[in-house]
């Protein structure tokens, strides 16, 4: 991954509403959720949400498609994977297998309270 692409992704996530949206879309999985439902759940005005969704989409972290009259948004799993790979590819002085537990460790903590 090109460093500029990673910086764009991190910049997109460096805002409270965008981080909340991204985490919501990660939880929802590939089926996604409509923009209206996202706005309602987060209490964000649709005009503000549209801006934030655009930032996340341009950063390659989410994708969208039209479903009749609604626009559905979902996490772009491949884009997210590229960012995670960028973070861990040089892990532990050339021994990336040590970092294998980073993502697996999240599954073990599933029952613990999440921080916002």
PDB file of N, CA and C in Angstrom:
ATOM      1  N   UNK A   1       0.852  -1.175   0.000  1.00  0.00           N
ATOM      2  CA  UNK A   1       0.000   0.000   0.000  1.00  0.00           C
ATOM      3  C   UNK A   1       0.892   1.229   0.000  1.00  0.00           C
ATOM      4  N   UNK A   2       0.515   2.182  -0.793  1.00  0.00           N
ATOM      5  CA  UNK A   2       1.241   3.442  -0.851  1.00  0.00           C
ATOM      6  C   UNK A   2       0.962   4.225   0.431  1.00  0.00           C
ATOM      7  N   UNK A   3       2.004   4.825   0.973  1.00  0.00           N
ATOM      8  CA  UNK A   3       1.886   5.556   2.237  1.00  0.00           C
ATOM      9  C   UNK A   3       0.792   6.621   2.179  1.00  0.00           C
ATOM     10  N   UNK A   4       0.653   7.308   1.050  1.00  0.00           N
ATOM     11  CA  UNK A   4      -0.365   8.359   0.921  1.00  0.00           C
ATOM     12  C   UNK A   4      -1.774   7.796   1.066  1.00  0.00           C
ATOM     13  N   UNK A   5      -1.989   6.575   0.591  1.00  0.00           N
ATOM     14  CA  UNK A   5      -3.307   5.940   0.716  1.00  0.00           C
ATOM     15  C   UNK A   5      -3.588   5.627   2.182  1.00  0.00           C
ATOM     16  N   UNK A   6      -2.585   5.138   2.891  1.00  0.00           N
ATOM     17  CA  UNK A   6      -2.749   4.856   4.316  1.00  0.00           C
ATOM     18  C   UNK A   6      -3.033   6.138   5.085  1.00  0.00           C
ATOM     19  N   UNK A   7      -2.322   7.200   4.762  1.00  0.00           N
ATOM     20  CA  UNK A   7      -2.545   8.483   5.434  1.00  0.00           C
ATOM     21  C   UNK A   7      -3.963   8.969   5.191  1.00  0.00           C
ATOM     22  N   UNK A   8      -4.460   8.791   3.976  1.00  0.00           N
ATOM     23  CA  UNK A   8      -5.837   9.175   3.656  1.00  0.00           C
ATOM     24  C   UNK A   8      -6.833   8.386   4.505  1.00  0.00           C
ATOM     25  N   UNK A   9      -6.596   7.083   4.645  1.00  0.00           N
ATOM     26  CA  UNK A   9      -7.492   6.245   5.449  1.00  0.00           C
ATOM     27  C   UNK A   9      -7.467   6.670   6.913  1.00  0.00           C
ATOM     28  N   UNK A  10      -6.274   6.894   7.448  1.00  0.00           N
ATOM     29  CA  UNK A  10      -6.175   7.308   8.850  1.00  0.00           C
ATOM     30  C   UNK A  10      -6.800   8.678   9.063  1.00  0.00           C
ATOM     31  N   UNK A  11      -6.610   9.571   8.100  1.00  0.00           N
ATOM     32  CA  UNK A  11      -7.222  10.895   8.187  1.00  0.00           C
ATOM     33  C   UNK A  11      -8.739  10.814   8.191  1.00  0.00           C
ATOM     34  N   UNK A  12      -9.275   9.915   7.373  1.00  0.00           N
ATOM     35  CA  UNK A  12     -10.729   9.753   7.317  1.00  0.00           C
ATOM     36  C   UNK A  12     -11.277   9.235   8.643  1.00  0.00           C
ATOM     37  N   UNK A  13     -10.517   8.406   9.312  1.00  0.00           N
ATOM     38  CA  UNK A  13     -10.970   7.843  10.589  1.00  0.00           C
ATOM     39  C   UNK A  13     -10.723   8.773  11.775  1.00  0.00           C
ATOM     40  N   UNK A  14     -10.022   9.864  11.538  1.00  0.00           N
ATOM     41  CA  UNK A  14      -9.643  10.774  12.621  1.00  0.00           C
ATOM     42  C   UNK A  14     -10.726  11.804  12.913  1.00  0.00           C
ATOM     43  N   UNK A  15     -11.955  11.367  12.882  1.00  0.00           N
ATOM     44  CA  UNK A  15     -13.096  12.222  13.224  1.00  0.00           C
ATOM     45  C   UNK A  15     -14.126  11.334  13.922  1.00  0.00           C
ATOM     46  N   UNK A  16     -14.696  11.847  14.985  1.00  0.00           N
ATOM     47  CA  UNK A  16     -15.603  11.041  15.812  1.00  0.00           C
ATOM     48  C   UNK A  16     -16.730  10.402  15.008  1.00  0.00           C
ATOM     49  N   UNK A  17     -17.439  11.181  14.190  1.00  0.00           N
ATOM     50  CA  UNK A  17     -18.577  10.624  13.454  1.00  0.00           C
ATOM     51  C   UNK A  17     -18.134   9.603  12.413  1.00  0.00           C
ATOM     52  N   UNK A  18     -17.039   9.883  11.722  1.00  0.00           N
ATOM     53  CA  UNK A  18     -16.574   8.933  10.709  1.00  0.00           C
ATOM     54  C   UNK A  18     -16.119   7.633  11.358  1.00  0.00           C
ATOM     55  N   UNK A  19     -15.461   7.725  12.500  1.00  0.00           N
ATOM     56  CA  UNK A  19     -15.044   6.516  13.202  1.00  0.00           C
ATOM     57  C   UNK A  19     -16.267   5.720  13.654  1.00  0.00           C
ATOM     58  N   UNK A  20     -17.292   6.397  14.162  1.00  0.00           N
ATOM     59  CA  UNK A  20     -18.522   5.713  14.566  1.00  0.00           C
ATOM     60  C   UNK A  20     -19.186   5.030  13.374  1.00  0.00           C
ATOM     61  N   UNK A  21     -19.261   5.728  12.255  1.00  0.00           N
ATOM     62  CA  UNK A  21     -19.872   5.154  11.052  1.00  0.00           C
ATOM     63  C   UNK A  21     -19.087   3.930  10.608  1.00  0.00           C
ATOM     64  N   UNK A  22     -17.778   4.054  10.536  1.00  0.00           N
ATOM     65  CA  UNK A  22     -16.947   2.939  10.077  1.00  0.00           C
ATOM     66  C   UNK A  22     -17.119   1.726  10.983  1.00  0.00           C
ATOM     67  N   UNK A  23     -17.093   1.928  12.281  1.00  0.00           N
ATOM     68  CA  UNK A  23     -17.268   0.800  13.212  1.00  0.00           C
ATOM     69  C   UNK A  23     -18.652   0.174  13.061  1.00  0.00           C
ATOM     70  N   UNK A  24     -19.670   1.002  12.843  1.00  0.00           N
ATOM     71  CA  UNK A  24     -21.018   0.481  12.630  1.00  0.00           C
ATOM     72  C   UNK A  24     -21.054  -0.389  11.376  1.00  0.00           C
ATOM     73  N   UNK A  25     -20.429   0.089  10.309  1.00  0.00           N
ATOM     74  CA  UNK A  25     -20.443  -0.661   9.056  1.00  0.00           C
ATOM     75  C   UNK A  25     -19.630  -1.946   9.158  1.00  0.00           C
ATOM     76  N   UNK A  26     -18.557  -1.929   9.903  1.00  0.00           N
ATOM     77  CA  UNK A  26     -17.790  -3.158  10.139  1.00  0.00           C
ATOM     78  C   UNK A  26     -18.672  -4.170  10.867  1.00  0.00           C
ATOM     79  N   UNK A  27     -19.421  -3.723  11.876  1.00  0.00           N
ATOM     80  CA  UNK A  27     -20.306  -4.627  12.625  1.00  0.00           C
ATOM     81  C   UNK A  27     -21.409  -5.186  11.736  1.00  0.00           C
ATOM     82  N   UNK A  28     -21.939  -4.370  10.824  1.00  0.00           N
ATOM     83  CA  UNK A  28     -23.063  -4.796   9.984  1.00  0.00           C
ATOM     84  C   UNK A  28     -22.654  -5.824   8.938  1.00  0.00           C
ATOM     85  N   UNK A  29     -21.404  -5.842   8.541  1.00  0.00           N
ATOM     86  CA  UNK A  29     -20.943  -6.812   7.558  1.00  0.00           C
ATOM     87  C   UNK A  29     -21.261  -6.399   6.133  1.00  0.00           C
ATOM     88  N   UNK A  30     -21.160  -7.346   5.201  1.00  0.00           N
ATOM     89  CA  UNK A  30     -21.264  -7.014   3.776  1.00  0.00           C
ATOM     90  C   UNK A  30     -22.643  -6.554   3.324  1.00  0.00           C
ATOM     91  N   UNK A  31     -23.677  -6.828   4.093  1.00  0.00           N
ATOM     92  CA  UNK A  31     -25.026  -6.400   3.718  1.00  0.00           C
ATOM     93  C   UNK A  31     -25.238  -4.906   3.844  1.00  0.00           C
ATOM     94  N   UNK A  32     -24.452  -4.269   4.697  1.00  0.00           N
ATOM     95  CA  UNK A  32     -24.513  -2.825   4.852  1.00  0.00           C
ATOM     96  C   UNK A  32     -25.778  -2.315   5.500  1.00  0.00           C
ATOM     97  N   UNK A  33     -25.949  -1.012   5.406  1.00  0.00           N
ATOM     98  CA  UNK A  33     -27.076  -0.321   6.026  1.00  0.00           C
ATOM     99  C   UNK A  33     -27.323   0.965   5.237  1.00  0.00           C
ATOM    100  N   UNK A  34     -28.554   1.404   5.209  1.00  0.00           N
ATOM    101  CA  UNK A  34     -28.880   2.604   4.426  1.00  0.00           C
ATOM    102  C   UNK A  34     -28.366   3.865   5.114  1.00  0.00           C
ATOM    103  N   UNK A  35     -28.132   4.881   4.307  1.00  0.00           N
ATOM    104  CA  UNK A  35     -27.667   6.165   4.834  1.00  0.00           C
ATOM    105  C   UNK A  35     -28.666   6.722   5.847  1.00  0.00           C
ATOM    106  N   UNK A  36     -29.951   6.578   5.566  1.00  0.00           N
ATOM    107  CA  UNK A  36     -30.971   7.068   6.488  1.00  0.00           C
ATOM    108  C   UNK A  36     -30.915   6.374   7.835  1.00  0.00           C
ATOM    109  N   UNK A  37     -30.695   5.059   7.819  1.00  0.00           N
ATOM    110  CA  UNK A  37     -30.587   4.313   9.075  1.00  0.00           C
ATOM    111  C   UNK A  37     -29.333   4.715   9.854  1.00  0.00           C
ATOM    112  N   UNK A  38     -28.243   4.945   9.134  1.00  0.00           N
ATOM    113  CA  UNK A  38     -27.012   5.387   9.801  1.00  0.00           C
ATOM    114  C   UNK A  38     -27.253   6.730  10.486  1.00  0.00           C
ATOM    115  N   UNK A  39     -27.848   7.666   9.761  1.00  0.00           N
ATOM    116  CA  UNK A  39     -28.117   8.998  10.312  1.00  0.00           C
ATOM    117  C   UNK A  39     -29.002   8.897  11.552  1.00  0.00           C
ATOM    118  N   UNK A  40     -30.036   8.068  11.479  1.00  0.00           N
ATOM    119  CA  UNK A  40     -30.963   7.910  12.599  1.00  0.00           C
ATOM    120  C   UNK A  40     -30.247   7.312  13.816  1.00  0.00           C
ATOM    121  N   UNK A  41     -29.485   6.252  13.607  1.00  0.00           N
ATOM    122  CA  UNK A  41     -28.817   5.575  14.724  1.00  0.00           C
ATOM    123  C   UNK A  41     -27.769   6.452  15.405  1.00  0.00           C
ATOM    124  N   UNK A  42     -27.091   7.277  14.615  1.00  0.00           N
ATOM    125  CA  UNK A  42     -26.037   8.120  15.189  1.00  0.00           C
ATOM    126  C   UNK A  42     -26.518   9.510  15.569  1.00  0.00           C
ATOM    127  N   UNK A  43     -27.726   9.869  15.151  1.00  0.00           N
ATOM    128  CA  UNK A  43     -28.236  11.200  15.445  1.00  0.00           C
ATOM    129  C   UNK A  43     -27.478  12.296  14.723  1.00  0.00           C
ATOM    130  N   UNK A  44     -27.020  11.982  13.519  1.00  0.00           N
ATOM    131  CA  UNK A  44     -26.249  12.933  12.707  1.00  0.00           C
ATOM    132  C   UNK A  44     -27.152  13.451  11.601  1.00  0.00           C
ATOM    133  N   UNK A  45     -27.188  14.760  11.358  1.00  0.00           N
ATOM    134  CA  UNK A  45     -28.004  15.287  10.256  1.00  0.00           C
ATOM    135  C   UNK A  45     -27.570  14.670   8.921  1.00  0.00           C
ATOM    136  N   UNK A  46     -28.530  14.337   8.046  1.00  0.00           N
ATOM    137  CA  UNK A  46     -28.193  13.705   6.763  1.00  0.00           C
ATOM    138  C   UNK A  46     -27.157  14.467   5.941  1.00  0.00           C
ATOM    139  N   UNK A  47     -27.203  15.784   5.960  1.00  0.00           N
ATOM    140  CA  UNK A  47     -26.229  16.548   5.172  1.00  0.00           C
ATOM    141  C   UNK A  47     -24.811  16.358   5.712  1.00  0.00           C
ATOM    142  N   UNK A  48     -24.662  16.340   7.020  1.00  0.00           N
ATOM    143  CA  UNK A  48     -23.346  16.096   7.622  1.00  0.00           C
ATOM    144  C   UNK A  48     -22.897  14.669   7.355  1.00  0.00           C
ATOM    145  N   UNK A  49     -23.832  13.734   7.487  1.00  0.00           N
ATOM    146  CA  UNK A  49     -23.495  12.334   7.268  1.00  0.00           C
ATOM    147  C   UNK A  49     -23.009  12.107   5.843  1.00  0.00           C
ATOM    148  N   UNK A  50     -23.647  12.738   4.890  1.00  0.00           N
ATOM    149  CA  UNK A  50     -23.252  12.589   3.488  1.00  0.00           C
ATOM    150  C   UNK A  50     -21.787  12.978   3.288  1.00  0.00           C
ATOM    151  N   UNK A  51     -21.381  14.069   3.905  1.00  0.00           N
ATOM    152  CA  UNK A  51     -19.984  14.507   3.825  1.00  0.00           C
ATOM    153  C   UNK A  51     -19.055  13.447   4.406  1.00  0.00           C
ATOM    154  N   UNK A  52     -19.397  12.933   5.589  1.00  0.00           N
ATOM    155  CA  UNK A  52     -18.549  11.951   6.260  1.00  0.00           C
ATOM    156  C   UNK A  52     -18.479  10.643   5.474  1.00  0.00           C
ATOM    157  N   UNK A  53     -19.607  10.209   4.933  1.00  0.00           N
ATOM    158  CA  UNK A  53     -19.611   8.987   4.127  1.00  0.00           C
ATOM    159  C   UNK A  53     -18.725   9.153   2.894  1.00  0.00           C
ATOM    160  N   UNK A  54     -18.781  10.323   2.285  1.00  0.00           N
ATOM    161  CA  UNK A  54     -17.941  10.601   1.125  1.00  0.00           C
ATOM    162  C   UNK A  54     -16.457  10.525   1.462  1.00  0.00           C
ATOM    163  N   UNK A  55     -16.096  11.052   2.620  1.00  0.00           N
ATOM    164  CA  UNK A  55     -14.695  11.005   3.051  1.00  0.00           C
ATOM    165  C   UNK A  55     -14.230   9.557   3.227  1.00  0.00           C
ATOM    166  N   UNK A  56     -15.066   8.752   3.866  1.00  0.00           N
ATOM    167  CA  UNK A  56     -14.711   7.349   4.090  1.00  0.00           C
ATOM    168  C   UNK A  56     -14.636   6.576   2.776  1.00  0.00           C
ATOM    169  N   UNK A  57     -15.544   6.888   1.860  1.00  0.00           N
ATOM    170  CA  UNK A  57     -15.548   6.185   0.575  1.00  0.00           C
ATOM    171  C   UNK A  57     -14.323   6.572  -0.259  1.00  0.00           C
ATOM    172  N   UNK A  58     -13.989   7.852  -0.292  1.00  0.00           N
ATOM    173  CA  UNK A  58     -12.801   8.290  -1.035  1.00  0.00           C
ATOM    174  C   UNK A  58     -11.523   7.682  -0.454  1.00  0.00           C
ATOM    175  N   UNK A  59     -11.525   7.408   0.839  1.00  0.00           N
ATOM    176  CA  UNK A  59     -10.359   6.800   1.488  1.00  0.00           C
ATOM    177  C   UNK A  59     -10.293   5.294   1.252  1.00  0.00           C
ATOM    178  N   UNK A  60     -11.311   4.724   0.607  1.00  0.00           N
ATOM    179  CA  UNK A  60     -11.309   3.297   0.302  1.00  0.00           C
ATOM    180  C   UNK A  60     -11.715   2.406   1.456  1.00  0.00           C
ATOM    181  N   UNK A  61     -12.367   2.986   2.470  1.00  0.00           N
ATOM    182  CA  UNK A  61     -12.758   2.209   3.643  1.00  0.00           C
ATOM    183  C   UNK A  61     -14.189   1.696   3.577  1.00  0.00           C
ATOM    184  N   UNK A  62     -15.033   2.350   2.790  1.00  0.00           N
ATOM    185  CA  UNK A  62     -16.415   1.903   2.635  1.00  0.00           C
ATOM    186  C   UNK A  62     -16.788   1.940   1.158  1.00  0.00           C
ATOM    187  N   UNK A  63     -17.895   1.291   0.840  1.00  0.00           N
ATOM    188  CA  UNK A  63     -18.423   1.304  -0.525  1.00  0.00           C
ATOM    189  C   UNK A  63     -19.925   1.516  -0.446  1.00  0.00           C
ATOM    190  N   UNK A  64     -20.519   1.875  -1.558  1.00  0.00           N
ATOM    191  CA  UNK A  64     -21.961   2.134  -1.570  1.00  0.00           C
ATOM    192  C   UNK A  64     -22.566   1.614  -2.858  1.00  0.00           C
ATOM    193  N   UNK A  65     -23.868   1.389  -2.809  1.00  0.00           N
ATOM    194  CA  UNK A  65     -24.630   1.000  -3.988  1.00  0.00           C
ATOM    195  C   UNK A  65     -26.074   1.424  -3.793  1.00  0.00           C
ATOM    196  N   UNK A  66     -26.761   1.554  -4.890  1.00  0.00           N
ATOM    197  CA  UNK A  66     -28.161   1.973  -4.853  1.00  0.00           C
ATOM    198  C   UNK A  66     -29.049   0.733  -4.766  1.00  0.00           C
ATOM    199  N   UNK A  67     -30.028   0.798  -3.884  1.00  0.00           N
ATOM    200  CA  UNK A  67     -31.044  -0.241  -3.745  1.00  0.00           C
ATOM    201  C   UNK A  67     -32.387   0.466  -3.861  1.00  0.00           C
ATOM    202  N   UNK A  68     -32.929   0.462  -5.054  1.00  0.00           N
ATOM    203  CA  UNK A  68     -34.134   1.218  -5.383  1.00  0.00           C
ATOM    204  C   UNK A  68     -33.899   2.696  -5.072  1.00  0.00           C
ATOM    205  N   UNK A  69     -34.567   3.221  -4.065  1.00  0.00           N
ATOM    206  CA  UNK A  69     -34.431   4.652  -3.757  1.00  0.00           C
ATOM    207  C   UNK A  69     -33.444   4.932  -2.629  1.00  0.00           C
ATOM    208  N   UNK A  70     -32.862   3.892  -2.084  1.00  0.00           N
ATOM    209  CA  UNK A  70     -31.935   4.071  -0.960  1.00  0.00           C
ATOM    210  C   UNK A  70     -30.493   3.841  -1.410  1.00  0.00           C
ATOM    211  N   UNK A  71     -29.577   4.468  -0.714  1.00  0.00           N
ATOM    212  CA  UNK A  71     -28.162   4.185  -0.913  1.00  0.00           C
ATOM    213  C   UNK A  71     -27.697   3.386   0.298  1.00  0.00           C
ATOM    214  N   UNK A  72     -27.122   2.233   0.015  1.00  0.00           N
ATOM    215  CA  UNK A  72     -26.640   1.339   1.059  1.00  0.00           C
ATOM    216  C   UNK A  72     -25.128   1.504   1.167  1.00  0.00           C
ATOM    217  N   UNK A  73     -24.640   1.542   2.388  1.00  0.00           N
ATOM    218  CA  UNK A  73     -23.205   1.656   2.647  1.00  0.00           C
ATOM    219  C   UNK A  73     -22.742   0.433   3.421  1.00  0.00           C
ATOM    220  N   UNK A  74     -21.551  -0.035   3.089  1.00  0.00           N
ATOM    221  CA  UNK A  74     -20.943  -1.170   3.788  1.00  0.00           C
ATOM    222  C   UNK A  74     -19.443  -0.939   3.868  1.00  0.00           C
ATOM    223  N   UNK A  75     -18.830  -1.572   4.834  1.00  0.00           N
ATOM    224  CA  UNK A  75     -17.371  -1.504   4.935  1.00  0.00           C
ATOM    225  C   UNK A  75     -16.768  -2.170   3.708  1.00  0.00           C
ATOM    226  N   UNK A  76     -15.722  -1.579   3.175  1.00  0.00           N
ATOM    227  CA  UNK A  76     -14.965  -2.199   2.087  1.00  0.00           C
ATOM    228  C   UNK A  76     -13.914  -3.082   2.757  1.00  0.00           C
ATOM    229  N   UNK A  77     -14.208  -4.364   2.824  1.00  0.00           N
ATOM    230  CA  UNK A  77     -13.344  -5.289   3.556  1.00  0.00           C
ATOM    231  C   UNK A  77     -11.945  -5.341   2.942  1.00  0.00           C
ATOM    232  N   UNK A  78     -11.864  -5.317   1.620  1.00  0.00           N
ATOM    233  CA  UNK A  78     -10.544  -5.337   0.978  1.00  0.00           C
ATOM    234  C   UNK A  78      -9.749  -4.080   1.320  1.00  0.00           C
ATOM    235  N   UNK A  79     -10.405  -2.930   1.306  1.00  0.00           N
ATOM    236  CA  UNK A  79      -9.731  -1.685   1.669  1.00  0.00           C
ATOM    237  C   UNK A  79      -9.273  -1.696   3.114  1.00  0.00           C
ATOM    238  N   UNK A  80     -10.115  -2.216   3.987  1.00  0.00           N
ATOM    239  CA  UNK A  80      -9.767  -2.314   5.403  1.00  0.00           C
ATOM    240  C   UNK A  80      -8.596  -3.269   5.590  1.00  0.00           C
ATOM    241  N   UNK A  81      -8.630  -4.378   4.876  1.00  0.00           N
ATOM    242  CA  UNK A  81      -7.540  -5.352   4.956  1.00  0.00           C
ATOM    243  C   UNK A  81      -6.212  -4.726   4.503  1.00  0.00           C
ATOM    244  N   UNK A  82      -6.257  -3.906   3.459  1.00  0.00           N
ATOM    245  CA  UNK A  82      -5.028  -3.253   2.990  1.00  0.00           C
ATOM    246  C   UNK A  82      -4.443  -2.335   4.071  1.00  0.00           C
ATOM    247  N   UNK A  83      -5.309  -1.615   4.778  1.00  0.00           N
ATOM    248  CA  UNK A  83      -4.826  -0.734   5.849  1.00  0.00           C
ATOM    249  C   UNK A  83      -4.218  -1.560   6.982  1.00  0.00           C
ATOM    250  N   UNK A  84      -4.897  -2.638   7.370  1.00  0.00           N
ATOM    251  CA  UNK A  84      -4.368  -3.491   8.435  1.00  0.00           C
ATOM    252  C   UNK A  84      -3.047  -4.133   8.022  1.00  0.00           C
ATOM    253  N   UNK A  85      -2.953  -4.548   6.775  1.00  0.00           N
ATOM    254  CA  UNK A  85      -1.707  -5.129   6.272  1.00  0.00           C
ATOM    255  C   UNK A  85      -0.589  -4.098   6.307  1.00  0.00           C
ATOM    256  N   UNK A  86      -0.903  -2.877   5.899  1.00  0.00           N
ATOM    257  CA  UNK A  86       0.088  -1.800   5.934  1.00  0.00           C
ATOM    258  C   UNK A  86       0.630  -1.625   7.355  1.00  0.00           C
ATOM    259  N   UNK A  87      -0.254  -1.692   8.339  1.00  0.00           N
ATOM    260  CA  UNK A  87       0.162  -1.494   9.730  1.00  0.00           C
ATOM    261  C   UNK A  87       1.036  -2.629  10.246  1.00  0.00           C
ATOM    262  N   UNK A  88       0.782  -3.837   9.776  1.00  0.00           N
ATOM    263  CA  UNK A  88       1.449  -4.998  10.365  1.00  0.00           C
ATOM    264  C   UNK A  88       2.524  -5.630   9.489  1.00  0.00           C
ATOM    265  N   UNK A  89       2.709  -5.157   8.248  1.00  0.00           N
ATOM    266  CA  UNK A  89       3.634  -5.846   7.348  1.00  0.00           C
ATOM    267  C   UNK A  89       5.084  -5.828   7.838  1.00  0.00           C
ATOM    268  N   UNK A  90       5.467  -4.846   8.593  1.00  0.00           N
ATOM    269  CA  UNK A  90       6.835  -4.785   9.114  1.00  0.00           C
ATOM    270  C   UNK A  90       6.880  -5.097  10.608  1.00  0.00           C
ATOM    271  N   UNK A  91       5.877  -5.793  11.063  1.00  0.00           N
ATOM    272  CA  UNK A  91       5.733  -6.082  12.491  1.00  0.00           C
ATOM    273  C   UNK A  91       6.923  -6.868  13.042  1.00  0.00           C
ATOM    274  N   UNK A  92       7.284  -6.513  14.206  1.00  0.00           N
ATOM    275  CA  UNK A  92       8.205  -7.304  15.023  1.00  0.00           C
ATOM    276  C   UNK A  92       9.514  -7.620  14.316  1.00  0.00           C
ATOM    277  N   UNK A  93      10.100  -6.598  13.714  1.00  0.00           N
ATOM    278  CA  UNK A  93      11.430  -6.710  13.104  1.00  0.00           C
ATOM    279  C   UNK A  93      11.517  -7.855  12.089  1.00  0.00           C
ATOM    280  N   UNK A  94      10.520  -7.897  11.199  1.00  0.00           N
ATOM    281  CA  UNK A  94      10.553  -8.882  10.127  1.00  0.00           C
ATOM    282  C   UNK A  94       9.939 -10.223  10.470  1.00  0.00           C
ATOM    283  N   UNK A  95       9.220 -10.305  11.563  1.00  0.00           N
ATOM    284  CA  UNK A  95       8.557 -11.552  11.957  1.00  0.00           C
ATOM    285  C   UNK A  95       7.054 -11.306  12.101  1.00  0.00           C
ATOM    286  N   UNK A  96       6.349 -11.101  10.961  1.00  0.00           N
ATOM    287  CA  UNK A  96       4.929 -10.754  11.029  1.00  0.00           C
ATOM    288  C   UNK A  96       4.054 -11.827  11.659  1.00  0.00           C
ATOM    289  N   UNK A  97       4.531 -13.069  11.718  1.00  0.00           N
ATOM    290  CA  UNK A  97       3.726 -14.124  12.335  1.00  0.00           C
ATOM    291  C   UNK A  97       3.442 -13.820  13.807  1.00  0.00           C
ATOM    292  N   UNK A  98       4.298 -13.041  14.429  1.00  0.00           N
ATOM    293  CA  UNK A  98       4.081 -12.655  15.825  1.00  0.00           C
ATOM    294  C   UNK A  98       2.837 -11.779  15.946  1.00  0.00           C
ATOM    295  N   UNK A  99       2.553 -10.993  14.909  1.00  0.00           N
ATOM    296  CA  UNK A  99       1.403 -10.089  14.920  1.00  0.00           C
ATOM    297  C   UNK A  99       0.094 -10.799  14.595  1.00  0.00           C
ATOM    298  N   UNK A 100       0.140 -12.069  14.267  1.00  0.00           N
ATOM    299  CA  UNK A 100      -1.070 -12.792  13.886  1.00  0.00           C
ATOM    300  C   UNK A 100      -2.172 -12.686  14.917  1.00  0.00           C
ATOM    301  N   UNK A 101      -1.818 -12.577  16.174  1.00  0.00           N
ATOM    302  CA  UNK A 101      -2.811 -12.495  17.229  1.00  0.00           C
ATOM    303  C   UNK A 101      -3.483 -11.147  17.370  1.00  0.00           C
ATOM    304  N   UNK A 102      -2.995 -10.134  16.659  1.00  0.00           N
ATOM    305  CA  UNK A 102      -3.605  -8.809  16.784  1.00  0.00           C
ATOM    306  C   UNK A 102      -5.081  -8.846  16.447  1.00  0.00           C
ATOM    307  N   UNK A 103      -5.415  -9.424  15.317  1.00  0.00           N
ATOM    308  CA  UNK A 103      -6.810  -9.476  14.892  1.00  0.00           C
ATOM    309  C   UNK A 103      -7.529 -10.608  15.603  1.00  0.00           C
ATOM    310  N   UNK A 104      -6.886 -11.750  15.764  1.00  0.00           N
ATOM    311  CA  UNK A 104      -7.506 -12.872  16.462  1.00  0.00           C
ATOM    312  C   UNK A 104      -7.826 -12.492  17.902  1.00  0.00           C
ATOM    313  N   UNK A 105      -6.993 -11.643  18.506  1.00  0.00           N
ATOM    314  CA  UNK A 105      -7.223 -11.208  19.878  1.00  0.00           C
ATOM    315  C   UNK A 105      -8.517 -10.451  20.049  1.00  0.00           C
ATOM    316  N   UNK A 106      -8.983  -9.795  19.001  1.00  0.00           N
ATOM    317  CA  UNK A 106     -10.246  -9.067  19.081  1.00  0.00           C
ATOM    318  C   UNK A 106     -11.409 -10.016  19.301  1.00  0.00           C
ATOM    319  N   UNK A 107     -11.350 -11.198  18.731  1.00  0.00           N
ATOM    320  CA  UNK A 107     -12.420 -12.182  18.907  1.00  0.00           C
ATOM    321  C   UNK A 107     -12.495 -12.635  20.355  1.00  0.00           C
ATOM    322  N   UNK A 108     -11.346 -12.775  21.000  1.00  0.00           N
ATOM    323  CA  UNK A 108     -11.316 -13.210  22.392  1.00  0.00           C
ATOM    324  C   UNK A 108     -11.928 -12.170  23.315  1.00  0.00           C
ATOM    325  N   UNK A 109     -11.837 -10.895  22.947  1.00  0.00           N
ATOM    326  CA  UNK A 109     -12.374  -9.819  23.785  1.00  0.00           C
ATOM    327  C   UNK A 109     -13.812  -9.482  23.443  1.00  0.00           C
ATOM    328  N   UNK A 110     -14.449 -10.245  22.581  1.00  0.00           N
ATOM    329  CA  UNK A 110     -15.788  -9.923  22.084  1.00  0.00           C
ATOM    330  C   UNK A 110     -16.766  -9.627  23.225  1.00  0.00           C
ATOM    331  N   UNK A 111     -16.674 -10.335  24.326  1.00  0.00           N
ATOM    332  CA  UNK A 111     -17.622 -10.140  25.407  1.00  0.00           C
ATOM    333  C   UNK A 111     -17.307  -8.970  26.316  1.00  0.00           C
ATOM    334  N   UNK A 112     -16.172  -8.325  26.136  1.00  0.00           N
ATOM    335  CA  UNK A 112     -15.817  -7.207  27.004  1.00  0.00           C
ATOM    336  C   UNK A 112     -16.425  -5.920  26.480  1.00  0.00           C
ATOM    337  N   UNK A 113     -16.698  -4.978  27.354  1.00  0.00           N
ATOM    338  CA  UNK A 113     -17.286  -3.702  26.915  1.00  0.00           C
ATOM    339  C   UNK A 113     -16.361  -2.979  25.943  1.00  0.00           C
ATOM    340  N   UNK A 114     -16.961  -2.318  24.960  1.00  0.00           N
ATOM    341  CA  UNK A 114     -16.184  -1.581  23.971  1.00  0.00           C
ATOM    342  C   UNK A 114     -16.120  -0.120  24.342  1.00  0.00           C
ATOM    343  N   UNK A 115     -14.959   0.466  24.063  1.00  0.00           N
ATOM    344  CA  UNK A 115     -14.803   1.898  24.273  1.00  0.00           C
ATOM    345  C   UNK A 115     -15.240   2.624  23.023  1.00  0.00           C
ATOM    346  N   UNK A 116     -15.823   3.797  23.189  1.00  0.00           N
ATOM    347  CA  UNK A 116     -16.225   4.605  22.030  1.00  0.00           C
ATOM    348  C   UNK A 116     -15.181   5.589  21.669  1.00  0.00           C
TER     349      UNK A 116
END
